[in-house]
Amino acid sequence: MNKSELINSLSEETTFNKKDITRVIDRFVNIVQRELKKGKKVALSGFGTFSLSRRPERNGINPATKERISLPAVNVPKFKAGKNLRESVRSVKLG
């Protein structure tokens, strides 16, 4: 499901129009980004937690030249699924 499909689905299941839902989703994404930039977590009980994780400096290889390069340490966003979400998809067959 992409963003447009999510907006359509939410519009069908609620009394809100697509324009309002789009604004809410965009604001939600902005708030999560802002809080992560502050180094904080965003937790939605039963759904999951957005947080930052530190990826340490490491060695890599440039695939074009096969030259060894040093990749700097970076912060990366992380999502940990909550208990309700994990349990709801546990028995889903993939592929």
PDB file of N, CA and C in Angstrom:
ATOM      1  N   MET A   1       0.848  -1.175   0.000  1.00  0.00           N
ATOM      2  CA  MET A   1       0.000   0.000   0.000  1.00  0.00           C
ATOM      3  C   MET A   1       0.892   1.237   0.000  1.00  0.00           C
ATOM      4  N   ASN A   2       0.627   2.162  -0.885  1.00  0.00           N
ATOM      5  CA  ASN A   2       1.380   3.408  -0.909  1.00  0.00           C
ATOM      6  C   ASN A   2       0.564   4.516  -0.237  1.00  0.00           C
ATOM      7  N   LYS A   3       1.105   5.719  -0.216  1.00  0.00           N
ATOM      8  CA  LYS A   3       0.450   6.830   0.479  1.00  0.00           C
ATOM      9  C   LYS A   3      -0.937   7.122  -0.093  1.00  0.00           C
ATOM     10  N   SER A   4      -1.071   7.152  -1.404  1.00  0.00           N
ATOM     11  CA  SER A   4      -2.366   7.429  -2.035  1.00  0.00           C
ATOM     12  C   SER A   4      -3.410   6.379  -1.664  1.00  0.00           C
ATOM     13  N   GLU A   5      -2.993   5.128  -1.671  1.00  0.00           N
ATOM     14  CA  GLU A   5      -3.909   4.041  -1.306  1.00  0.00           C
ATOM     15  C   GLU A   5      -4.301   4.140   0.163  1.00  0.00           C
ATOM     16  N   LEU A   6      -3.350   4.513   1.021  1.00  0.00           N
ATOM     17  CA  LEU A   6      -3.654   4.700   2.444  1.00  0.00           C
ATOM     18  C   LEU A   6      -4.666   5.821   2.623  1.00  0.00           C
ATOM     19  N   ILE A   7      -4.466   6.928   1.928  1.00  0.00           N
ATOM     20  CA  ILE A   7      -5.397   8.062   2.014  1.00  0.00           C
ATOM     21  C   ILE A   7      -6.786   7.646   1.555  1.00  0.00           C
ATOM     22  N   ASN A   8      -6.870   6.939   0.439  1.00  0.00           N
ATOM     23  CA  ASN A   8      -8.173   6.472  -0.062  1.00  0.00           C
ATOM     24  C   ASN A   8      -8.847   5.544   0.938  1.00  0.00           C
ATOM     25  N   SER A   9      -8.084   4.624   1.501  1.00  0.00           N
ATOM     26  CA  SER A   9      -8.646   3.674   2.464  1.00  0.00           C
ATOM     27  C   SER A   9      -9.150   4.386   3.716  1.00  0.00           C
ATOM     28  N   LEU A  10      -8.357   5.313   4.237  1.00  0.00           N
ATOM     29  CA  LEU A  10      -8.790   6.067   5.418  1.00  0.00           C
ATOM     30  C   LEU A  10     -10.024   6.904   5.114  1.00  0.00           C
ATOM     31  N   SER A  11     -10.103   7.476   3.924  1.00  0.00           N
ATOM     32  CA  SER A  11     -11.253   8.283   3.532  1.00  0.00           C
ATOM     33  C   SER A  11     -12.518   7.436   3.474  1.00  0.00           C
ATOM     34  N   GLU A  12     -12.381   6.213   2.974  1.00  0.00           N
ATOM     35  CA  GLU A  12     -13.531   5.307   2.883  1.00  0.00           C
ATOM     36  C   GLU A  12     -13.994   4.829   4.253  1.00  0.00           C
ATOM     37  N   GLU A  13     -13.057   4.664   5.195  1.00  0.00           N
ATOM     38  CA  GLU A  13     -13.397   4.108   6.508  1.00  0.00           C
ATOM     39  C   GLU A  13     -13.733   5.164   7.560  1.00  0.00           C
ATOM     40  N   THR A  14     -13.565   6.448   7.215  1.00  0.00           N
ATOM     41  CA  THR A  14     -13.876   7.519   8.155  1.00  0.00           C
ATOM     42  C   THR A  14     -14.768   8.547   7.474  1.00  0.00           C
ATOM     43  N   THR A  15     -15.117   9.581   8.208  1.00  0.00           N
ATOM     44  CA  THR A  15     -15.924  10.664   7.640  1.00  0.00           C
ATOM     45  C   THR A  15     -15.049  11.807   7.144  1.00  0.00           C
ATOM     46  N   PHE A  16     -13.723  11.631   7.166  1.00  0.00           N
ATOM     47  CA  PHE A  16     -12.807  12.693   6.755  1.00  0.00           C
ATOM     48  C   PHE A  16     -12.558  12.652   5.257  1.00  0.00           C
ATOM     49  N   ASN A  17     -12.363  13.845   4.664  1.00  0.00           N
ATOM     50  CA  ASN A  17     -12.080  13.884   3.230  1.00  0.00           C
ATOM     51  C   ASN A  17     -10.581  13.660   2.989  1.00  0.00           C
ATOM     52  N   LYS A  18     -10.242  13.391   1.739  1.00  0.00           N
ATOM     53  CA  LYS A  18      -8.857  13.051   1.378  1.00  0.00           C
ATOM     54  C   LYS A  18      -7.888  14.191   1.663  1.00  0.00           C
ATOM     55  N   LYS A  19      -8.327  15.426   1.473  1.00  0.00           N
ATOM     56  CA  LYS A  19      -7.470  16.584   1.719  1.00  0.00           C
ATOM     57  C   LYS A  19      -7.076  16.661   3.188  1.00  0.00           C
ATOM     58  N   ASP A  20      -8.039  16.462   4.093  1.00  0.00           N
ATOM     59  CA  ASP A  20      -7.750  16.501   5.532  1.00  0.00           C
ATOM     60  C   ASP A  20      -6.853  15.340   5.950  1.00  0.00           C
ATOM     61  N   ILE A  21      -7.117  14.169   5.418  1.00  0.00           N
ATOM     62  CA  ILE A  21      -6.303  12.990   5.748  1.00  0.00           C
ATOM     63  C   ILE A  21      -4.871  13.191   5.274  1.00  0.00           C
ATOM     64  N   THR A  22      -4.704  13.753   4.083  1.00  0.00           N
ATOM     65  CA  THR A  22      -3.367  14.028   3.555  1.00  0.00           C
ATOM     66  C   THR A  22      -2.608  14.969   4.486  1.00  0.00           C
ATOM     67  N   ARG A  23      -3.282  16.015   4.963  1.00  0.00           N
ATOM     68  CA  ARG A  23      -2.643  16.962   5.881  1.00  0.00           C
ATOM     69  C   ARG A  23      -2.237  16.279   7.188  1.00  0.00           C
ATOM     70  N   VAL A  24      -3.092  15.422   7.704  1.00  0.00           N
ATOM     71  CA  VAL A  24      -2.787  14.719   8.958  1.00  0.00           C
ATOM     72  C   VAL A  24      -1.587  13.795   8.773  1.00  0.00           C
ATOM     73  N   ILE A  25      -1.558  13.038   7.701  1.00  0.00           N
ATOM     74  CA  ILE A  25      -0.434  12.127   7.444  1.00  0.00           C
ATOM     75  C   ILE A  25       0.860  12.916   7.280  1.00  0.00           C
ATOM     76  N   ASP A  26       0.812  13.998   6.509  1.00  0.00           N
ATOM     77  CA  ASP A  26       2.008  14.824   6.314  1.00  0.00           C
ATOM     78  C   ASP A  26       2.497  15.416   7.632  1.00  0.00           C
ATOM     79  N   ARG A  27       1.586  15.893   8.464  1.00  0.00           N
ATOM     80  CA  ARG A  27       1.968  16.452   9.769  1.00  0.00           C
ATOM     81  C   ARG A  27       2.555  15.368  10.670  1.00  0.00           C
ATOM     82  N   PHE A  28       1.966  14.156  10.623  1.00  0.00           N
ATOM     83  CA  PHE A  28       2.477  13.040  11.420  1.00  0.00           C
ATOM     84  C   PHE A  28       3.926  12.738  11.045  1.00  0.00           C
ATOM     85  N   VAL A  29       4.191  12.649   9.755  1.00  0.00           N
ATOM     86  CA  VAL A  29       5.546  12.364   9.276  1.00  0.00           C
ATOM     87  C   VAL A  29       6.499  13.468   9.724  1.00  0.00           C
ATOM     88  N   ASN A  30       6.071  14.730   9.597  1.00  0.00           N
ATOM     89  CA  ASN A  30       6.913  15.854  10.018  1.00  0.00           C
ATOM     90  C   ASN A  30       7.215  15.817  11.511  1.00  0.00           C
ATOM     91  N   ILE A  31       6.224  15.474  12.313  1.00  0.00           N
ATOM     92  CA  ILE A  31       6.421  15.409  13.768  1.00  0.00           C
ATOM     93  C   ILE A  31       7.389  14.291  14.120  1.00  0.00           C
ATOM     94  N   VAL A  32       7.242  13.132  13.507  1.00  0.00           N
ATOM     95  CA  VAL A  32       8.165  12.014  13.763  1.00  0.00           C
ATOM     96  C   VAL A  32       9.582  12.428  13.392  1.00  0.00           C
ATOM     97  N   GLN A  33       9.758  13.049  12.229  1.00  0.00           N
ATOM     98  CA  GLN A  33      11.092  13.493  11.809  1.00  0.00           C
ATOM     99  C   GLN A  33      11.660  14.504  12.791  1.00  0.00           C
ATOM    100  N   ARG A  34      10.852  15.462  13.207  1.00  0.00           N
ATOM    101  CA  ARG A  34      11.316  16.498  14.126  1.00  0.00           C
ATOM    102  C   ARG A  34      11.761  15.904  15.459  1.00  0.00           C
ATOM    103  N   GLU A  35      10.989  14.979  15.991  1.00  0.00           N
ATOM    104  CA  GLU A  35      11.328  14.362  17.270  1.00  0.00           C
ATOM    105  C   GLU A  35      12.583  13.500  17.158  1.00  0.00           C
ATOM    106  N   LEU A  36      12.725  12.776  16.050  1.00  0.00           N
ATOM    107  CA  LEU A  36      13.923  11.967  15.853  1.00  0.00           C
ATOM    108  C   LEU A  36      15.157  12.859  15.734  1.00  0.00           C
ATOM    109  N   LYS A  37      15.025  14.004  15.058  1.00  0.00           N
ATOM    110  CA  LYS A  37      16.148  14.944  14.952  1.00  0.00           C
ATOM    111  C   LYS A  37      16.577  15.454  16.324  1.00  0.00           C
ATOM    112  N   LYS A  38      15.634  15.530  17.262  1.00  0.00           N
ATOM    113  CA  LYS A  38      15.941  15.945  18.636  1.00  0.00           C
ATOM    114  C   LYS A  38      16.528  14.794  19.449  1.00  0.00           C
ATOM    115  N   GLY A  39      16.575  13.604  18.861  1.00  0.00           N
ATOM    116  CA  GLY A  39      17.085  12.444  19.574  1.00  0.00           C
ATOM    117  C   GLY A  39      16.038  11.751  20.431  1.00  0.00           C
ATOM    118  N   LYS A  40      14.774  12.084  20.223  1.00  0.00           N
ATOM    119  CA  LYS A  40      13.683  11.503  21.005  1.00  0.00           C
ATOM    120  C   LYS A  40      13.030  10.351  20.251  1.00  0.00           C
ATOM    121  N   LYS A  41      12.233   9.583  20.975  1.00  0.00           N
ATOM    122  CA  LYS A  41      11.474   8.478  20.400  1.00  0.00           C
ATOM    123  C   LYS A  41      10.030   8.903  20.207  1.00  0.00           C
ATOM    124  N   VAL A  42       9.333   8.243  19.271  1.00  0.00           N
ATOM    125  CA  VAL A  42       7.896   8.424  19.103  1.00  0.00           C
ATOM    126  C   VAL A  42       7.272   7.042  19.225  1.00  0.00           C
ATOM    127  N   ALA A  43       6.470   6.851  20.266  1.00  0.00           N
ATOM    128  CA  ALA A  43       5.868   5.540  20.536  1.00  0.00           C
ATOM    129  C   ALA A  43       4.356   5.605  20.365  1.00  0.00           C
ATOM    130  N   LEU A  44       3.825   4.670  19.596  1.00  0.00           N
ATOM    131  CA  LEU A  44       2.382   4.517  19.443  1.00  0.00           C
ATOM    132  C   LEU A  44       2.026   3.169  20.071  1.00  0.00           C
ATOM    133  N   SER A  45       1.404   3.227  21.210  1.00  0.00           N
ATOM    134  CA  SER A  45       1.118   2.030  21.991  1.00  0.00           C
ATOM    135  C   SER A  45       0.413   0.966  21.143  1.00  0.00           C
ATOM    136  N   GLY A  46       0.957  -0.242  21.145  1.00  0.00           N
ATOM    137  CA  GLY A  46       0.395  -1.353  20.392  1.00  0.00           C
ATOM    138  C   GLY A  46       0.839  -1.402  18.945  1.00  0.00           C
ATOM    139  N   PHE A  47       1.299  -0.274  18.394  1.00  0.00           N
ATOM    140  CA  PHE A  47       1.734  -0.234  16.994  1.00  0.00           C
ATOM    141  C   PHE A  47       3.245  -0.338  16.890  1.00  0.00           C
ATOM    142  N   GLY A  48       3.973   0.571  17.556  1.00  0.00           N
ATOM    143  CA  GLY A  48       5.420   0.491  17.509  1.00  0.00           C
ATOM    144  C   GLY A  48       6.092   1.779  17.920  1.00  0.00           C
ATOM    145  N   THR A  49       7.423   1.764  17.854  1.00  0.00           N
ATOM    146  CA  THR A  49       8.229   2.896  18.284  1.00  0.00           C
ATOM    147  C   THR A  49       9.229   3.275  17.201  1.00  0.00           C
ATOM    148  N   PHE A  50       9.253   4.560  16.871  1.00  0.00           N
ATOM    149  CA  PHE A  50      10.249   5.120  15.967  1.00  0.00           C
ATOM    150  C   PHE A  50      11.376   5.669  16.824  1.00  0.00           C
ATOM    151  N   SER A  51      12.623   5.357  16.469  1.00  0.00           N
ATOM    152  CA  SER A  51      13.763   5.858  17.237  1.00  0.00           C
ATOM    153  C   SER A  51      14.969   5.985  16.306  1.00  0.00           C
ATOM    154  N   LEU A  52      16.066   6.492  16.868  1.00  0.00           N
ATOM    155  CA  LEU A  52      17.314   6.592  16.127  1.00  0.00           C
ATOM    156  C   LEU A  52      18.272   5.527  16.603  1.00  0.00           C
ATOM    157  N   SER A  53      19.064   5.032  15.684  1.00  0.00           N
ATOM    158  CA  SER A  53      20.106   4.068  16.012  1.00  0.00           C
ATOM    159  C   SER A  53      21.404   4.594  15.404  1.00  0.00           C
ATOM    160  N   ARG A  54      22.509   4.388  16.078  1.00  0.00           N
ATOM    161  CA  ARG A  54      23.804   4.859  15.593  1.00  0.00           C
ATOM    162  C   ARG A  54      24.504   3.726  14.864  1.00  0.00           C
ATOM    163  N   ARG A  55      24.815   3.939  13.590  1.00  0.00           N
ATOM    164  CA  ARG A  55      25.583   2.960  12.815  1.00  0.00           C
ATOM    165  C   ARG A  55      27.042   3.407  12.880  1.00  0.00           C
ATOM    166  N   PRO A  56      27.925   2.599  13.452  1.00  0.00           N
ATOM    167  CA  PRO A  56      29.319   3.013  13.620  1.00  0.00           C
ATOM    168  C   PRO A  56      30.068   3.101  12.284  1.00  0.00           C
ATOM    169  N   GLU A  57      31.199   3.780  12.324  1.00  0.00           N
ATOM    170  CA  GLU A  57      32.060   3.860  11.146  1.00  0.00           C
ATOM    171  C   GLU A  57      32.457   2.441  10.755  1.00  0.00           C
ATOM    172  N   ARG A  58      32.521   2.200   9.448  1.00  0.00           N
ATOM    173  CA  ARG A  58      32.876   0.851   8.980  1.00  0.00           C
ATOM    174  C   ARG A  58      33.564   0.935   7.633  1.00  0.00           C
ATOM    175  N   ASN A  59      34.183  -0.159   7.249  1.00  0.00           N
ATOM    176  CA  ASN A  59      34.857  -0.229   5.960  1.00  0.00           C
ATOM    177  C   ASN A  59      33.895  -0.767   4.916  1.00  0.00           C
ATOM    178  N   GLY A  60      34.017  -0.271   3.688  1.00  0.00           N
ATOM    179  CA  GLY A  60      33.189  -0.719   2.586  1.00  0.00           C
ATOM    180  C   GLY A  60      34.013  -0.812   1.322  1.00  0.00           C
ATOM    181  N   ILE A  61      33.361  -1.178   0.246  1.00  0.00           N
ATOM    182  CA  ILE A  61      34.025  -1.300  -1.050  1.00  0.00           C
ATOM    183  C   ILE A  61      33.210  -0.539  -2.078  1.00  0.00           C
ATOM    184  N   ASN A  62      33.874   0.310  -2.845  1.00  0.00           N
ATOM    185  CA  ASN A  62      33.234   1.008  -3.950  1.00  0.00           C
ATOM    186  C   ASN A  62      32.976  -0.033  -5.037  1.00  0.00           C
ATOM    187  N   PRO A  63      31.701  -0.320  -5.370  1.00  0.00           N
ATOM    188  CA  PRO A  63      31.419  -1.385  -6.337  1.00  0.00           C
ATOM    189  C   PRO A  63      31.940  -1.093  -7.744  1.00  0.00           C
ATOM    190  N   ALA A  64      32.096   0.169  -8.089  1.00  0.00           N
ATOM    191  CA  ALA A  64      32.567   0.517  -9.434  1.00  0.00           C
ATOM    192  C   ALA A  64      34.062   0.286  -9.587  1.00  0.00           C
ATOM    193  N   THR A  65      34.826   0.646  -8.541  1.00  0.00           N
ATOM    194  CA  THR A  65      36.288   0.566  -8.653  1.00  0.00           C
ATOM    195  C   THR A  65      36.896  -0.532  -7.798  1.00  0.00           C
ATOM    196  N   LYS A  66      36.105  -1.163  -6.966  1.00  0.00           N
ATOM    197  CA  LYS A  66      36.551  -2.192  -6.006  1.00  0.00           C
ATOM    198  C   LYS A  66      37.529  -1.619  -4.970  1.00  0.00           C
ATOM    199  N   GLU A  67      37.607  -0.303  -4.888  1.00  0.00           N
ATOM    200  CA  GLU A  67      38.491   0.359  -3.930  1.00  0.00           C
ATOM    201  C   GLU A  67      37.865   0.298  -2.536  1.00  0.00           C
ATOM    202  N   ARG A  68      38.687   0.037  -1.536  1.00  0.00           N
ATOM    203  CA  ARG A  68      38.218   0.019  -0.155  1.00  0.00           C
ATOM    204  C   ARG A  68      38.038   1.453   0.310  1.00  0.00           C
ATOM    205  N   ILE A  69      36.900   1.713   0.946  1.00  0.00           N
ATOM    206  CA  ILE A  69      36.609   3.053   1.432  1.00  0.00           C
ATOM    207  C   ILE A  69      36.142   2.984   2.880  1.00  0.00           C
ATOM    208  N   SER A  70      36.231   4.094   3.572  1.00  0.00           N
ATOM    209  CA  SER A  70      35.763   4.184   4.949  1.00  0.00           C
ATOM    210  C   SER A  70      34.415   4.884   4.946  1.00  0.00           C
ATOM    211  N   LEU A  71      33.420   4.233   5.499  1.00  0.00           N
ATOM    212  CA  LEU A  71      32.084   4.818   5.582  1.00  0.00           C
ATOM    213  C   LEU A  71      31.932   5.439   6.976  1.00  0.00           C
ATOM    214  N   PRO A  72      31.533   6.711   7.054  1.00  0.00           N
ATOM    215  CA  PRO A  72      31.452   7.391   8.341  1.00  0.00           C
ATOM    216  C   PRO A  72      30.303   6.870   9.204  1.00  0.00           C
ATOM    217  N   ALA A  73      30.384   7.128  10.493  1.00  0.00           N
ATOM    218  CA  ALA A  73      29.298   6.798  11.415  1.00  0.00           C
ATOM    219  C   ALA A  73      28.103   7.686  11.083  1.00  0.00           C
ATOM    220  N   VAL A  74      26.921   7.114  11.142  1.00  0.00           N
ATOM    221  CA  VAL A  74      25.697   7.866  10.845  1.00  0.00           C
ATOM    222  C   VAL A  74      24.569   7.442  11.766  1.00  0.00           C
ATOM    223  N   ASN A  75      23.598   8.331  11.927  1.00  0.00           N
ATOM    224  CA  ASN A  75      22.356   7.989  12.620  1.00  0.00           C
ATOM    225  C   ASN A  75      21.372   7.469  11.585  1.00  0.00           C
ATOM    226  N   VAL A  76      20.649   6.412  11.916  1.00  0.00           N
ATOM    227  CA  VAL A  76      19.644   5.866  11.016  1.00  0.00           C
ATOM    228  C   VAL A  76      18.328   5.693  11.776  1.00  0.00           C
ATOM    229  N   PRO A  77      17.192   5.965  11.105  1.00  0.00           N
ATOM    230  CA  PRO A  77      15.913   5.764  11.770  1.00  0.00           C
ATOM    231  C   PRO A  77      15.644   4.270  11.935  1.00  0.00           C
ATOM    232  N   LYS A  78      14.932   3.949  13.005  1.00  0.00           N
ATOM    233  CA  LYS A  78      14.627   2.550  13.305  1.00  0.00           C
ATOM    234  C   LYS A  78      13.164   2.479  13.726  1.00  0.00           C
ATOM    235  N   PHE A  79      12.494   1.390  13.386  1.00  0.00           N
ATOM    236  CA  PHE A  79      11.121   1.155  13.825  1.00  0.00           C
ATOM    237  C   PHE A  79      11.061  -0.210  14.475  1.00  0.00           C
ATOM    238  N   LYS A  80      10.540  -0.240  15.692  1.00  0.00           N
ATOM    239  CA  LYS A  80      10.346  -1.512  16.386  1.00  0.00           C
ATOM    240  C   LYS A  80       8.844  -1.728  16.534  1.00  0.00           C
ATOM    241  N   ALA A  81       8.353  -2.800  15.942  1.00  0.00           N
ATOM    242  CA  ALA A  81       6.926  -3.100  15.985  1.00  0.00           C
ATOM    243  C   ALA A  81       6.480  -3.407  17.408  1.00  0.00           C
ATOM    244  N   GLY A  82       5.287  -2.919  17.749  1.00  0.00           N
ATOM    245  CA  GLY A  82       4.705  -3.187  19.055  1.00  0.00           C
ATOM    246  C   GLY A  82       4.089  -4.575  19.119  1.00  0.00           C
ATOM    247  N   LYS A  83       3.739  -4.988  20.298  1.00  0.00           N
ATOM    248  CA  LYS A  83       3.219  -6.337  20.533  1.00  0.00           C
ATOM    249  C   LYS A  83       1.971  -6.628  19.694  1.00  0.00           C
ATOM    250  N   ASN A  84       1.007  -5.713  19.675  1.00  0.00           N
ATOM    251  CA  ASN A  84      -0.226  -5.951  18.915  1.00  0.00           C
ATOM    252  C   ASN A  84       0.048  -6.116  17.429  1.00  0.00           C
ATOM    253  N   LEU A  85       0.930  -5.293  16.868  1.00  0.00           N
ATOM    254  CA  LEU A  85       1.270  -5.397  15.448  1.00  0.00           C
ATOM    255  C   LEU A  85       1.989  -6.711  15.162  1.00  0.00           C
ATOM    256  N   ARG A  86       2.957  -7.057  15.999  1.00  0.00           N
ATOM    257  CA  ARG A  86       3.685  -8.325  15.797  1.00  0.00           C
ATOM    258  C   ARG A  86       2.740  -9.515  15.823  1.00  0.00           C
ATOM    259  N   GLU A  87       1.854  -9.545  16.817  1.00  0.00           N
ATOM    260  CA  GLU A  87       0.938 -10.682  16.939  1.00  0.00           C
ATOM    261  C   GLU A  87      -0.077 -10.737  15.805  1.00  0.00           C
ATOM    262  N   SER A  88      -0.498  -9.569  15.280  1.00  0.00           N
ATOM    263  CA  SER A  88      -1.504  -9.559  14.223  1.00  0.00           C
ATOM    264  C   SER A  88      -0.978 -10.081  12.888  1.00  0.00           C
ATOM    265  N   VAL A  89       0.343 -10.019  12.683  1.00  0.00           N
ATOM    266  CA  VAL A  89       0.899 -10.487  11.399  1.00  0.00           C
ATOM    267  C   VAL A  89       1.704 -11.765  11.525  1.00  0.00           C
ATOM    268  N   ARG A  90       1.778 -12.310  12.710  1.00  0.00           N
ATOM    269  CA  ARG A  90       2.612 -13.478  12.964  1.00  0.00           C
ATOM    270  C   ARG A  90       2.278 -14.662  12.074  1.00  0.00           C
ATOM    271  N   SER A  91       1.005 -14.913  11.784  1.00  0.00           N
ATOM    272  CA  SER A  91       0.633 -16.108  11.034  1.00  0.00           C
ATOM    273  C   SER A  91       0.426 -15.848   9.534  1.00  0.00           C
ATOM    274  N   VAL A  92       0.789 -14.662   9.057  1.00  0.00           N
ATOM    275  CA  VAL A  92       0.622 -14.339   7.630  1.00  0.00           C
ATOM    276  C   VAL A  92       1.657 -15.108   6.804  1.00  0.00           C
ATOM    277  N   LYS A  93       1.178 -15.737   5.736  1.00  0.00           N
ATOM    278  CA  LYS A  93       2.061 -16.465   4.818  1.00  0.00           C
ATOM    279  C   LYS A  93       2.556 -15.513   3.749  1.00  0.00           C
ATOM    280  N   LEU A  94       3.861 -15.483   3.529  1.00  0.00           N
ATOM    281  CA  LEU A  94       4.449 -14.633   2.503  1.00  0.00           C
ATOM    282  C   LEU A  94       4.844 -15.455   1.291  1.00  0.00           C
ATOM    283  N   GLY A  95       4.793 -14.796   0.135  1.00  0.00           N
ATOM    284  CA  GLY A  95       5.288 -15.401  -1.096  1.00  0.00           C
ATOM    285  C   GLY A  95       4.366 -16.394  -1.635  1.00  0.00           C
TER     286      GLY A  95
END
